[in-house]
Amino acid sequence: MGSMPQVQAAPKIDLAGLVPAPVTPFNRDGSVDYTAIQRLGSWLGSIPGVKGLVVLGHAGEGTFLTQEEQTDVIKAFVKSVDDRIPIIAGITTEGTKVAALEAQRAKAAGAKAGLLYPCHGWLRFGYQPGAPQDRYKTVYEESGLPLILFQYPDNTKATYSLHTLLEIAAQPGVIAMKNGVRNMKRWDTEIPVIKAANPDLTILTCHDEYLLHTCFDVDGMLVGYGNIAPELLLEMIEHGKARDYPKARAVHDRLLPITKNVYHRGSHMEGTVALKHGLVARGILEHATVRSGLLPLQENADKEIYAAFKQSGLGKAVITSSK
């Protein structure tokens, strides 16, 4: 018998820096606002150090969109950055086969990589040993879309063990890891092991509310926070790589009013709504319309968020290109 053909390794994509996860703007009638996507994407894509955009994730309300809308949103963001930086698509559907089909659609629409979410059922029931590894293997082999490993918080049943992380990270289709374990004991002990085993793997924190603690151990950040404060997050990444705690702490402290008003709310889901209010404060969006699943924030929350941006010294964004 002949040997099995080797699966070709995914092409390397430079994601070492800031990778924002932009929202999906809506018109007041609930339809996708493609003009606002152009403003948002062209602004983020023009900032040196922004290495890509992850669309259709939690912050992007990706699971609230139809398949046609998902495809059109990817195309709109590709156009907004003039294909200068990679657009990465959240791959969120439940079963492995349908996730592979979703990855195929994303690639055809212009996505250069995919952020592969765990099956949502695993959040409640956990997963069988080997099932996450099979999900990454199958989606890559059937789509050819390079994948980012997504580590969920430790307080969910969809979080991956260190053994599972190491096996997924070693697969030829995996180019990076977005780690949001939110257990600092695991972070401090597991990140060095993962880096030692996979020196070419790009490791990105997604701890929007714990960026100071995690900015010293990573290649960059993949965060919804990048929507609203990319300039300051890039400063924190620079100080983190330089191991300059006082300067990183100064950025953290400057951002703290925004962090409290966006990510210290009753649930992380409210952060998506707050991100849209932040984009209103920065002059990118005209309003903070969301789709159900999500609801507007409580009365006067918008005013609190605007005041936080003023306190942090973040004013209107400068958009250098908008087609």
C-alpha atoms as a PDB file:
ATOM      1  CA  MET A   1       0.000   0.000   0.000  1.00  0.00           C
ATOM      2  CA  GLY A   2       1.171   3.509  -0.807  1.00  0.00           C
ATOM      3  CA  SER A   3       1.543   6.183   1.816  1.00  0.00           C
ATOM      4  CA  MET A   4      -1.278   8.642   2.446  1.00  0.00           C
ATOM      5  CA  PRO A   5      -0.843  12.003   0.723  1.00  0.00           C
ATOM      6  CA  GLN A   6       0.465  14.794   2.938  1.00  0.00           C
ATOM      7  CA  VAL A   7      -1.879  17.659   3.709  1.00  0.00           C
ATOM      8  CA  GLN A   8      -0.266  20.896   2.598  1.00  0.00           C
ATOM      9  CA  ALA A   9       0.449  23.357   5.375  1.00  0.00           C
ATOM     10  CA  ALA A  10      -1.564  26.562   5.341  1.00  0.00           C
ATOM     11  CA  PRO A  11       0.269  29.644   4.077  1.00  0.00           C
ATOM     12  CA  LYS A  12       1.678  31.877   6.796  1.00  0.00           C
ATOM     13  CA  ILE A  13      -0.238  35.116   7.414  1.00  0.00           C
ATOM     14  CA  ASP A  14       1.367  37.912   9.416  1.00  0.00           C
ATOM     15  CA  LEU A  15      -1.046  38.616  12.280  1.00  0.00           C
ATOM     16  CA  ALA A  16       1.548  39.815  14.794  1.00  0.00           C
ATOM     17  CA  GLY A  17       0.022  43.096  15.914  1.00  0.00           C
ATOM     18  CA  LEU A  18      -3.529  44.268  16.358  1.00  0.00           C
ATOM     19  CA  VAL A  19      -6.376  42.301  14.754  1.00  0.00           C
ATOM     20  CA  PRO A  20      -9.683  44.062  15.499  1.00  0.00           C
ATOM     21  CA  ALA A  21     -12.949  42.140  15.376  1.00  0.00           C
ATOM     22  CA  PRO A  22     -15.284  44.773  13.895  1.00  0.00           C
ATOM     23  CA  VAL A  23     -18.990  45.027  14.491  1.00  0.00           C
ATOM     24  CA  THR A  24     -21.528  44.649  11.717  1.00  0.00           C
ATOM     25  CA  PRO A  25     -23.278  48.013  11.357  1.00  0.00           C
ATOM     26  CA  PHE A  26     -27.014  48.027  10.685  1.00  0.00           C
ATOM     27  CA  ASN A  27     -29.366  50.611   9.290  1.00  0.00           C
ATOM     28  CA  ARG A  28     -32.192  51.689  11.576  1.00  0.00           C
ATOM     29  CA  ASP A  29     -34.507  49.271   9.759  1.00  0.00           C
ATOM     30  CA  GLY A  30     -32.219  46.357  10.700  1.00  0.00           C
ATOM     31  CA  SER A  31     -30.625  45.816   7.287  1.00  0.00           C
ATOM     32  CA  VAL A  32     -26.847  45.676   6.949  1.00  0.00           C
ATOM     33  CA  ASP A  33     -25.305  49.132   6.519  1.00  0.00           C
ATOM     34  CA  TYR A  34     -22.650  48.583   3.846  1.00  0.00           C
ATOM     35  CA  THR A  35     -21.760  52.279   3.710  1.00  0.00           C
ATOM     36  CA  ALA A  36     -20.845  52.150   7.400  1.00  0.00           C
ATOM     37  CA  ILE A  37     -18.823  48.982   6.789  1.00  0.00           C
ATOM     38  CA  GLN A  38     -16.799  50.967   4.265  1.00  0.00           C
ATOM     39  CA  ARG A  39     -16.135  53.712   6.825  1.00  0.00           C
ATOM     40  CA  LEU A  40     -15.244  51.299   9.605  1.00  0.00           C
ATOM     41  CA  GLY A  41     -13.076  48.994   7.513  1.00  0.00           C
ATOM     42  CA  SER A  42     -11.227  51.773   5.679  1.00  0.00           C
ATOM     43  CA  TRP A  43     -10.421  53.480   8.990  1.00  0.00           C
ATOM     44  CA  LEU A  44      -9.158  50.345  10.743  1.00  0.00           C
ATOM     45  CA  GLY A  45      -7.328  49.145   7.643  1.00  0.00           C
ATOM     46  CA  SER A  46      -5.458  52.442   7.296  1.00  0.00           C
ATOM     47  CA  ILE A  47      -3.850  52.259  10.751  1.00  0.00           C
ATOM     48  CA  PRO A  48      -0.248  50.979  10.732  1.00  0.00           C
ATOM     49  CA  GLY A  49       0.029  47.891  12.917  1.00  0.00           C
ATOM     50  CA  VAL A  50      -3.488  46.631  12.204  1.00  0.00           C
ATOM     51  CA  LYS A  51      -2.725  43.252  10.622  1.00  0.00           C
ATOM     52  CA  GLY A  52      -6.208  41.984   9.731  1.00  0.00           C
ATOM     53  CA  LEU A  53      -9.902  42.173  10.581  1.00  0.00           C
ATOM     54  CA  VAL A  54     -11.981  39.307  11.971  1.00  0.00           C
ATOM     55  CA  VAL A  55     -15.581  39.683  10.830  1.00  0.00           C
ATOM     56  CA  LEU A  56     -18.758  37.715  11.637  1.00  0.00           C
ATOM     57  CA  GLY A  57     -17.686  36.813  15.151  1.00  0.00           C
ATOM     58  CA  HIS A  58     -19.434  37.638  18.425  1.00  0.00           C
ATOM     59  CA  ALA A  59     -18.779  41.367  18.091  1.00  0.00           C
ATOM     60  CA  GLY A  60     -19.879  41.153  14.447  1.00  0.00           C
ATOM     61  CA  GLU A  61     -23.194  39.453  15.269  1.00  0.00           C
ATOM     62  CA  GLY A  62     -22.229  36.873  12.662  1.00  0.00           C
ATOM     63  CA  THR A  63     -24.698  34.235  13.812  1.00  0.00           C
ATOM     64  CA  PHE A  64     -27.521  36.773  13.466  1.00  0.00           C
ATOM     65  CA  LEU A  65     -26.955  37.142   9.714  1.00  0.00           C
ATOM     66  CA  THR A  66     -28.275  35.080   6.824  1.00  0.00           C
ATOM     67  CA  GLN A  67     -25.796  33.137   4.702  1.00  0.00           C
ATOM     68  CA  GLU A  68     -26.199  35.706   1.921  1.00  0.00           C
ATOM     69  CA  GLU A  69     -25.565  38.558   4.357  1.00  0.00           C
ATOM     70  CA  GLN A  70     -22.502  36.811   5.757  1.00  0.00           C
ATOM     71  CA  THR A  71     -21.025  36.510   2.267  1.00  0.00           C
ATOM     72  CA  ASP A  72     -21.846  40.121   1.432  1.00  0.00           C
ATOM     73  CA  VAL A  73     -20.339  41.381   4.699  1.00  0.00           C
ATOM     74  CA  ILE A  74     -17.058  39.574   3.964  1.00  0.00           C
ATOM     75  CA  LYS A  75     -16.976  41.078   0.463  1.00  0.00           C
ATOM     76  CA  ALA A  76     -17.752  44.539   1.845  1.00  0.00           C
ATOM     77  CA  PHE A  77     -14.914  44.398   4.361  1.00  0.00           C
ATOM     78  CA  VAL A  78     -12.497  43.091   1.696  1.00  0.00           C
ATOM     79  CA  LYS A  79     -13.450  46.081  -0.438  1.00  0.00           C
ATOM     80  CA  SER A  80     -13.151  48.480   2.496  1.00  0.00           C
ATOM     81  CA  VAL A  81      -9.482  47.616   3.057  1.00  0.00           C
ATOM     82  CA  ASP A  82      -8.761  47.359  -0.683  1.00  0.00           C
ATOM     83  CA  ASP A  83      -7.511  43.827   0.050  1.00  0.00           C
ATOM     84  CA  ARG A  84      -4.378  45.311   1.701  1.00  0.00           C
ATOM     85  CA  ILE A  85      -4.806  43.330   4.911  1.00  0.00           C
ATOM     86  CA  PRO A  86      -6.505  39.942   5.344  1.00  0.00           C
ATOM     87  CA  ILE A  87     -10.167  39.644   6.187  1.00  0.00           C
ATOM     88  CA  ILE A  88     -10.723  36.671   8.495  1.00  0.00           C
ATOM     89  CA  ALA A  89     -14.198  35.164   8.824  1.00  0.00           C
ATOM     90  CA  GLY A  90     -15.741  33.728  11.947  1.00  0.00           C
ATOM     91  CA  ILE A  91     -16.790  30.140  11.203  1.00  0.00           C
ATOM     92  CA  THR A  92     -19.576  29.527  13.674  1.00  0.00           C
ATOM     93  CA  THR A  93     -21.970  26.843  12.447  1.00  0.00           C
ATOM     94  CA  GLU A  94     -22.556  23.845  14.673  1.00  0.00           C
ATOM     95  CA  GLY A  95     -21.639  20.649  12.837  1.00  0.00           C
ATOM     96  CA  THR A  96     -18.281  20.020  11.222  1.00  0.00           C
ATOM     97  CA  LYS A  97     -19.695  19.435   7.744  1.00  0.00           C
ATOM     98  CA  VAL A  98     -21.707  22.651   7.717  1.00  0.00           C
ATOM     99  CA  ALA A  99     -18.745  24.535   9.209  1.00  0.00           C
ATOM    100  CA  ALA A 100     -16.620  23.306   6.314  1.00  0.00           C
ATOM    101  CA  LEU A 101     -19.253  24.562   3.868  1.00  0.00           C
ATOM    102  CA  GLU A 102     -19.310  27.906   5.686  1.00  0.00           C
ATOM    103  CA  ALA A 103     -15.521  28.086   5.369  1.00  0.00           C
ATOM    104  CA  GLN A 104     -15.806  27.364   1.645  1.00  0.00           C
ATOM    105  CA  ARG A 105     -18.267  30.248   1.223  1.00  0.00           C
ATOM    106  CA  ALA A 106     -16.031  32.557   3.243  1.00  0.00           C
ATOM    107  CA  LYS A 107     -13.001  31.723   1.123  1.00  0.00           C
ATOM    108  CA  ALA A 108     -14.951  32.269  -2.095  1.00  0.00           C
ATOM    109  CA  ALA A 109     -16.042  35.687  -0.762  1.00  0.00           C
ATOM    110  CA  GLY A 110     -12.421  36.737  -0.222  1.00  0.00           C
ATOM    111  CA  ALA A 111     -11.592  35.699   3.349  1.00  0.00           C
ATOM    112  CA  LYS A 112      -7.944  34.772   3.782  1.00  0.00           C
ATOM    113  CA  ALA A 113      -8.462  32.751   6.985  1.00  0.00           C
ATOM    114  CA  GLY A 114     -11.142  31.574   9.362  1.00  0.00           C
ATOM    115  CA  LEU A 115     -11.609  31.837  13.122  1.00  0.00           C
ATOM    116  CA  LEU A 116     -13.130  28.455  13.911  1.00  0.00           C
ATOM    117  CA  TYR A 117     -15.569  28.468  16.828  1.00  0.00           C
ATOM    118  CA  PRO A 118     -16.358  25.342  18.860  1.00  0.00           C
ATOM    119  CA  CYS A 119     -19.677  23.608  18.363  1.00  0.00           C
ATOM    120  CA  HIS A 120     -22.181  25.543  20.441  1.00  0.00           C
ATOM    121  CA  GLY A 121     -23.535  22.345  21.986  1.00  0.00           C
ATOM    122  CA  TRP A 122     -20.151  21.824  23.614  1.00  0.00           C
ATOM    123  CA  LEU A 123     -20.777  24.926  25.732  1.00  0.00           C
ATOM    124  CA  ARG A 124     -23.470  23.019  27.616  1.00  0.00           C
ATOM    125  CA  PHE A 125     -22.481  19.375  27.339  1.00  0.00           C
ATOM    126  CA  GLY A 126     -18.746  19.367  26.713  1.00  0.00           C
ATOM    127  CA  TYR A 127     -17.049  17.506  23.874  1.00  0.00           C
ATOM    128  CA  GLN A 128     -15.862  13.984  23.211  1.00  0.00           C
ATOM    129  CA  PRO A 129     -12.093  13.512  23.226  1.00  0.00           C
ATOM    130  CA  GLY A 130     -10.747  14.133  19.735  1.00  0.00           C
ATOM    131  CA  ALA A 131     -13.832  15.970  18.445  1.00  0.00           C
ATOM    132  CA  PRO A 132     -12.189  19.450  18.383  1.00  0.00           C
ATOM    133  CA  GLN A 133      -9.132  18.059  16.591  1.00  0.00           C
ATOM    134  CA  ASP A 134     -11.400  16.457  13.990  1.00  0.00           C
ATOM    135  CA  ARG A 135     -13.309  19.735  13.526  1.00  0.00           C
ATOM    136  CA  TYR A 136     -10.149  21.691  12.656  1.00  0.00           C
ATOM    137  CA  LYS A 137      -8.757  18.927  10.460  1.00  0.00           C
ATOM    138  CA  THR A 138     -11.937  18.452   8.445  1.00  0.00           C
ATOM    139  CA  VAL A 139     -12.763  22.139   7.978  1.00  0.00           C
ATOM    140  CA  TYR A 140      -9.268  22.885   6.689  1.00  0.00           C
ATOM    141  CA  GLU A 141      -9.058  19.858   4.420  1.00  0.00           C
ATOM    142  CA  GLU A 142     -12.490  20.493   2.893  1.00  0.00           C
ATOM    143  CA  SER A 143     -12.125  24.257   2.463  1.00  0.00           C
ATOM    144  CA  GLY A 144      -8.416  25.022   2.194  1.00  0.00           C
ATOM    145  CA  LEU A 145      -9.038  28.021   4.477  1.00  0.00           C
ATOM    146  CA  PRO A 146      -6.235  28.615   7.021  1.00  0.00           C
ATOM    147  CA  LEU A 147      -7.633  28.523  10.548  1.00  0.00           C
ATOM    148  CA  ILE A 148      -7.165  30.314  13.850  1.00  0.00           C
ATOM    149  CA  LEU A 149      -7.541  28.159  16.953  1.00  0.00           C
ATOM    150  CA  PHE A 150     -10.096  29.686  19.329  1.00  0.00           C
ATOM    151  CA  GLN A 151      -9.688  28.951  23.036  1.00  0.00           C
ATOM    152  CA  TYR A 152     -12.920  29.661  24.944  1.00  0.00           C
ATOM    153  CA  PRO A 153     -13.055  30.736  28.609  1.00  0.00           C
ATOM    154  CA  ASP A 154     -12.207  28.186  31.260  1.00  0.00           C
ATOM    155  CA  ASN A 155     -15.654  28.524  32.852  1.00  0.00           C
ATOM    156  CA  THR A 156     -17.305  26.982  29.780  1.00  0.00           C
ATOM    157  CA  LYS A 157     -17.384  23.315  28.817  1.00  0.00           C
ATOM    158  CA  ALA A 158     -16.097  24.277  25.359  1.00  0.00           C
ATOM    159  CA  THR A 159     -12.677  25.288  26.694  1.00  0.00           C
ATOM    160  CA  TYR A 160      -9.911  23.039  25.363  1.00  0.00           C
ATOM    161  CA  SER A 161      -7.457  21.186  27.581  1.00  0.00           C
ATOM    162  CA  LEU A 162      -3.762  21.853  27.090  1.00  0.00           C
ATOM    163  CA  HIS A 163      -3.427  18.457  25.382  1.00  0.00           C
ATOM    164  CA  THR A 164      -6.215  19.358  22.951  1.00  0.00           C
ATOM    165  CA  LEU A 165      -4.700  22.789  22.276  1.00  0.00           C
ATOM    166  CA  LEU A 166      -1.311  21.264  21.505  1.00  0.00           C
ATOM    167  CA  GLU A 167      -2.787  18.715  19.101  1.00  0.00           C
ATOM    168  CA  ILE A 168      -4.861  21.317  17.251  1.00  0.00           C
ATOM    169  CA  ALA A 169      -1.970  23.783  17.087  1.00  0.00           C
ATOM    170  CA  ALA A 170       0.211  21.132  15.464  1.00  0.00           C
ATOM    171  CA  GLN A 171      -2.204  20.618  12.564  1.00  0.00           C
ATOM    172  CA  PRO A 172      -1.054  21.947   9.167  1.00  0.00           C
ATOM    173  CA  GLY A 173      -4.147  24.121   8.715  1.00  0.00           C
ATOM    174  CA  VAL A 174      -3.721  26.102  11.937  1.00  0.00           C
ATOM    175  CA  ILE A 175      -1.774  29.376  11.691  1.00  0.00           C
ATOM    176  CA  ALA A 176      -2.583  31.182  14.949  1.00  0.00           C
ATOM    177  CA  MET A 177      -4.339  30.936  18.285  1.00  0.00           C
ATOM    178  CA  LYS A 178      -6.847  33.357  19.794  1.00  0.00           C
ATOM    179  CA  ASN A 179      -6.671  32.602  23.502  1.00  0.00           C
ATOM    180  CA  GLY A 180      -9.424  33.835  25.805  1.00  0.00           C
ATOM    181  CA  VAL A 181      -9.139  31.256  28.597  1.00  0.00           C
ATOM    182  CA  ARG A 182      -9.778  33.920  31.286  1.00  0.00           C
ATOM    183  CA  ASN A 183      -8.105  31.772  33.913  1.00  0.00           C
ATOM    184  CA  MET A 184      -4.804  33.432  34.701  1.00  0.00           C
ATOM    185  CA  LYS A 185      -3.355  30.293  36.287  1.00  0.00           C
ATOM    186  CA  ARG A 186      -3.920  28.425  33.027  1.00  0.00           C
ATOM    187  CA  TRP A 187      -2.681  31.381  30.991  1.00  0.00           C
ATOM    188  CA  ASP A 188       0.557  31.712  32.949  1.00  0.00           C
ATOM    189  CA  THR A 189       1.334  27.997  32.872  1.00  0.00           C
ATOM    190  CA  GLU A 190       0.042  26.988  29.416  1.00  0.00           C
ATOM    191  CA  ILE A 191       1.159  29.828  27.132  1.00  0.00           C
ATOM    192  CA  PRO A 192       4.886  29.042  27.602  1.00  0.00           C
ATOM    193  CA  VAL A 193       4.246  25.366  26.838  1.00  0.00           C
ATOM    194  CA  ILE A 194       2.273  26.167  23.681  1.00  0.00           C
ATOM    195  CA  LYS A 195       4.929  28.625  22.486  1.00  0.00           C
ATOM    196  CA  ALA A 196       7.731  26.136  23.100  1.00  0.00           C
ATOM    197  CA  ALA A 197       5.915  23.370  21.213  1.00  0.00           C
ATOM    198  CA  ASN A 198       4.847  25.641  18.335  1.00  0.00           C
ATOM    199  CA  PRO A 199       7.385  28.458  17.893  1.00  0.00           C
ATOM    200  CA  ASP A 200       5.870  29.521  14.556  1.00  0.00           C
ATOM    201  CA  LEU A 201       2.312  29.756  15.906  1.00  0.00           C
ATOM    202  CA  THR A 202       1.087  33.348  16.240  1.00  0.00           C
ATOM    203  CA  ILE A 203      -0.467  33.723  19.705  1.00  0.00           C
ATOM    204  CA  LEU A 204      -3.062  36.465  20.175  1.00  0.00           C
ATOM    205  CA  THR A 205      -4.836  37.467  23.366  1.00  0.00           C
ATOM    206  CA  CYS A 206      -8.561  38.140  23.233  1.00  0.00           C
ATOM    207  CA  HIS A 207      -8.893  39.180  26.885  1.00  0.00           C
ATOM    208  CA  ASP A 208     -10.529  42.543  26.218  1.00  0.00           C
ATOM    209  CA  GLU A 209     -10.915  43.183  29.942  1.00  0.00           C
ATOM    210  CA  TYR A 210      -7.520  41.704  30.962  1.00  0.00           C
ATOM    211  CA  LEU A 211      -5.232  43.092  28.290  1.00  0.00           C
ATOM    212  CA  LEU A 212      -2.596  44.396  30.680  1.00  0.00           C
ATOM    213  CA  HIS A 213      -1.983  40.984  32.227  1.00  0.00           C
ATOM    214  CA  THR A 214      -1.809  39.224  28.863  1.00  0.00           C
ATOM    215  CA  CYS A 215       0.027  41.727  26.636  1.00  0.00           C
ATOM    216  CA  PHE A 216       3.511  40.585  27.718  1.00  0.00           C
ATOM    217  CA  ASP A 217       3.239  36.976  26.507  1.00  0.00           C
ATOM    218  CA  VAL A 218       1.804  37.279  23.013  1.00  0.00           C
ATOM    219  CA  ASP A 219       2.410  38.376  19.437  1.00  0.00           C
ATOM    220  CA  GLY A 220      -0.615  40.642  19.440  1.00  0.00           C
ATOM    221  CA  MET A 221      -4.316  41.032  20.183  1.00  0.00           C
ATOM    222  CA  LEU A 222      -7.437  39.769  18.426  1.00  0.00           C
ATOM    223  CA  VAL A 223     -10.117  41.794  20.162  1.00  0.00           C
ATOM    224  CA  GLY A 224     -13.422  43.549  19.685  1.00  0.00           C
ATOM    225  CA  TYR A 225     -11.796  46.367  21.657  1.00  0.00           C
ATOM    226  CA  GLY A 226      -9.811  47.071  18.491  1.00  0.00           C
ATOM    227  CA  ASN A 227     -12.970  48.593  16.967  1.00  0.00           C
ATOM    228  CA  ILE A 228     -12.957  51.569  19.266  1.00  0.00           C
ATOM    229  CA  ALA A 229      -9.404  52.191  20.535  1.00  0.00           C
ATOM    230  CA  PRO A 230      -6.926  50.767  18.010  1.00  0.00           C
ATOM    231  CA  GLU A 231      -4.413  53.543  18.568  1.00  0.00           C
ATOM    232  CA  LEU A 232      -4.008  52.865  22.280  1.00  0.00           C
ATOM    233  CA  LEU A 233      -4.097  49.089  21.929  1.00  0.00           C
ATOM    234  CA  LEU A 234      -1.218  49.307  19.454  1.00  0.00           C
ATOM    235  CA  GLU A 235       0.715  51.283  22.064  1.00  0.00           C
ATOM    236  CA  MET A 236       0.025  48.594  24.659  1.00  0.00           C
ATOM    237  CA  ILE A 237       1.190  45.858  22.282  1.00  0.00           C
ATOM    238  CA  GLU A 238       4.428  47.760  21.682  1.00  0.00           C
ATOM    239  CA  HIS A 239       5.046  48.234  25.407  1.00  0.00           C
ATOM    240  CA  GLY A 240       4.158  44.604  26.102  1.00  0.00           C
ATOM    241  CA  LYS A 241       6.675  43.323  23.580  1.00  0.00           C
ATOM    242  CA  ALA A 242       9.281  45.622  25.133  1.00  0.00           C
ATOM    243  CA  ARG A 243       8.395  44.271  28.626  1.00  0.00           C
ATOM    244  CA  ASP A 244       7.808  47.862  29.707  1.00  0.00           C
ATOM    245  CA  TYR A 245       5.236  47.463  32.458  1.00  0.00           C
ATOM    246  CA  PRO A 246       4.986  51.124  33.532  1.00  0.00           C
ATOM    247  CA  LYS A 247       4.173  52.306  30.008  1.00  0.00           C
ATOM    248  CA  ALA A 248       1.749  49.424  29.403  1.00  0.00           C
ATOM    249  CA  ARG A 249       0.103  50.205  32.738  1.00  0.00           C
ATOM    250  CA  ALA A 250      -0.250  53.855  31.771  1.00  0.00           C
ATOM    251  CA  VAL A 251      -2.154  52.857  28.620  1.00  0.00           C
ATOM    252  CA  HIS A 252      -4.303  50.471  30.656  1.00  0.00           C
ATOM    253  CA  ASP A 253      -5.156  53.208  33.126  1.00  0.00           C
ATOM    254  CA  ARG A 254      -6.034  55.631  30.357  1.00  0.00           C
ATOM    255  CA  LEU A 255      -8.351  53.040  28.827  1.00  0.00           C
ATOM    256  CA  LEU A 256      -9.909  51.988  32.141  1.00  0.00           C
ATOM    257  CA  PRO A 257     -12.993  54.277  31.914  1.00  0.00           C
ATOM    258  CA  ILE A 258     -13.789  52.747  28.507  1.00  0.00           C
ATOM    259  CA  THR A 259     -13.049  49.218  29.711  1.00  0.00           C
ATOM    260  CA  LYS A 260     -15.447  49.674  32.621  1.00  0.00           C
ATOM    261  CA  ASN A 261     -18.217  51.043  30.396  1.00  0.00           C
ATOM    262  CA  VAL A 262     -17.832  48.459  27.626  1.00  0.00           C
ATOM    263  CA  TYR A 263     -16.533  45.219  29.171  1.00  0.00           C
ATOM    264  CA  HIS A 264     -17.447  45.439  32.873  1.00  0.00           C
ATOM    265  CA  ARG A 265     -21.178  45.337  32.166  1.00  0.00           C
ATOM    266  CA  GLY A 266     -23.669  42.663  33.206  1.00  0.00           C
ATOM    267  CA  SER A 267     -22.663  40.290  30.430  1.00  0.00           C
ATOM    268  CA  HIS A 268     -20.052  40.136  27.703  1.00  0.00           C
ATOM    269  CA  MET A 269     -22.849  40.265  25.138  1.00  0.00           C
ATOM    270  CA  GLU A 270     -23.670  43.793  26.260  1.00  0.00           C
ATOM    271  CA  GLY A 271     -20.149  44.688  25.216  1.00  0.00           C
ATOM    272  CA  THR A 272     -21.140  44.354  21.563  1.00  0.00           C
ATOM    273  CA  VAL A 273     -23.875  46.949  21.989  1.00  0.00           C
ATOM    274  CA  ALA A 274     -21.455  49.174  23.895  1.00  0.00           C
ATOM    275  CA  LEU A 275     -18.894  48.831  21.090  1.00  0.00           C
ATOM    276  CA  LYS A 276     -21.422  50.332  18.708  1.00  0.00           C
ATOM    277  CA  HIS A 277     -21.999  53.248  21.060  1.00  0.00           C
ATOM    278  CA  GLY A 278     -18.217  53.650  21.164  1.00  0.00           C
ATOM    279  CA  LEU A 279     -18.128  53.840  17.389  1.00  0.00           C
ATOM    280  CA  VAL A 280     -20.808  56.522  17.547  1.00  0.00           C
ATOM    281  CA  ALA A 281     -18.565  58.425  19.962  1.00  0.00           C
ATOM    282  CA  ARG A 282     -15.712  58.123  17.484  1.00  0.00           C
ATOM    283  CA  GLY A 283     -17.815  59.290  14.542  1.00  0.00           C
ATOM    284  CA  ILE A 284     -17.847  56.024  12.583  1.00  0.00           C
ATOM    285  CA  LEU A 285     -21.473  55.025  13.226  1.00  0.00           C
ATOM    286  CA  GLU A 286     -24.504  57.262  13.463  1.00  0.00           C
ATOM    287  CA  HIS A 287     -26.382  54.970  15.857  1.00  0.00           C
ATOM    288  CA  ALA A 288     -25.964  51.704  17.765  1.00  0.00           C
ATOM    289  CA  THR A 289     -28.637  49.506  16.148  1.00  0.00           C
ATOM    290  CA  VAL A 290     -28.313  45.779  16.911  1.00  0.00           C
ATOM    291  CA  ARG A 291     -30.285  42.676  15.994  1.00  0.00           C
ATOM    292  CA  SER A 292     -32.264  40.482  18.354  1.00  0.00           C
ATOM    293  CA  GLY A 293     -30.403  38.289  20.232  1.00  0.00           C
ATOM    294  CA  LEU A 294     -29.123  41.594  21.456  1.00  0.00           C
ATOM    295  CA  LEU A 295     -31.097  44.471  22.952  1.00  0.00           C
ATOM    296  CA  PRO A 296     -30.364  48.160  23.486  1.00  0.00           C
ATOM    297  CA  LEU A 297     -28.554  49.096  26.686  1.00  0.00           C
ATOM    298  CA  GLN A 298     -30.314  50.701  29.606  1.00  0.00           C
ATOM    299  CA  GLU A 299     -31.260  54.378  29.507  1.00  0.00           C
ATOM    300  CA  ASN A 300     -28.319  56.797  29.639  1.00  0.00           C
ATOM    301  CA  ALA A 301     -25.736  54.069  28.993  1.00  0.00           C
ATOM    302  CA  ASP A 302     -24.783  55.858  25.780  1.00  0.00           C
ATOM    303  CA  LYS A 303     -24.035  59.053  27.699  1.00  0.00           C
ATOM    304  CA  GLU A 304     -21.848  57.121  30.150  1.00  0.00           C
ATOM    305  CA  ILE A 305     -19.918  55.584  27.258  1.00  0.00           C
ATOM    306  CA  TYR A 306     -19.448  58.945  25.527  1.00  0.00           C
ATOM    307  CA  ALA A 307     -18.155  60.422  28.799  1.00  0.00           C
ATOM    308  CA  ALA A 308     -15.670  57.542  29.138  1.00  0.00           C
ATOM    309  CA  PHE A 309     -14.228  58.276  25.702  1.00  0.00           C
ATOM    310  CA  LYS A 310     -13.896  61.946  26.576  1.00  0.00           C
ATOM    311  CA  GLN A 311     -12.139  61.068  29.842  1.00  0.00           C
ATOM    312  CA  SER A 312      -9.739  58.752  27.978  1.00  0.00           C
ATOM    313  CA  GLY A 313      -8.962  61.435  25.397  1.00  0.00           C
ATOM    314  CA  LEU A 314     -10.173  59.453  22.389  1.00  0.00           C
ATOM    315  CA  GLY A 315     -11.954  61.767  19.995  1.00  0.00           C
ATOM    316  CA  LYS A 316     -13.335  61.450  16.497  1.00  0.00           C
ATOM    317  CA  ALA A 317     -11.548  58.990  14.243  1.00  0.00           C
ATOM    318  CA  VAL A 318      -9.652  60.301  11.226  1.00  0.00           C
ATOM    319  CA  ILE A 319     -10.742  58.388   8.135  1.00  0.00           C
ATOM    320  CA  THR A 320      -8.162  58.731   5.388  1.00  0.00           C
ATOM    321  CA  SER A 321      -9.904  56.658   2.742  1.00  0.00           C
ATOM    322  CA  SER A 322     -13.568  56.010   2.043  1.00  0.00           C
ATOM    323  CA  LYS A 323     -14.840  54.880  -1.329  1.00  0.00           C
END
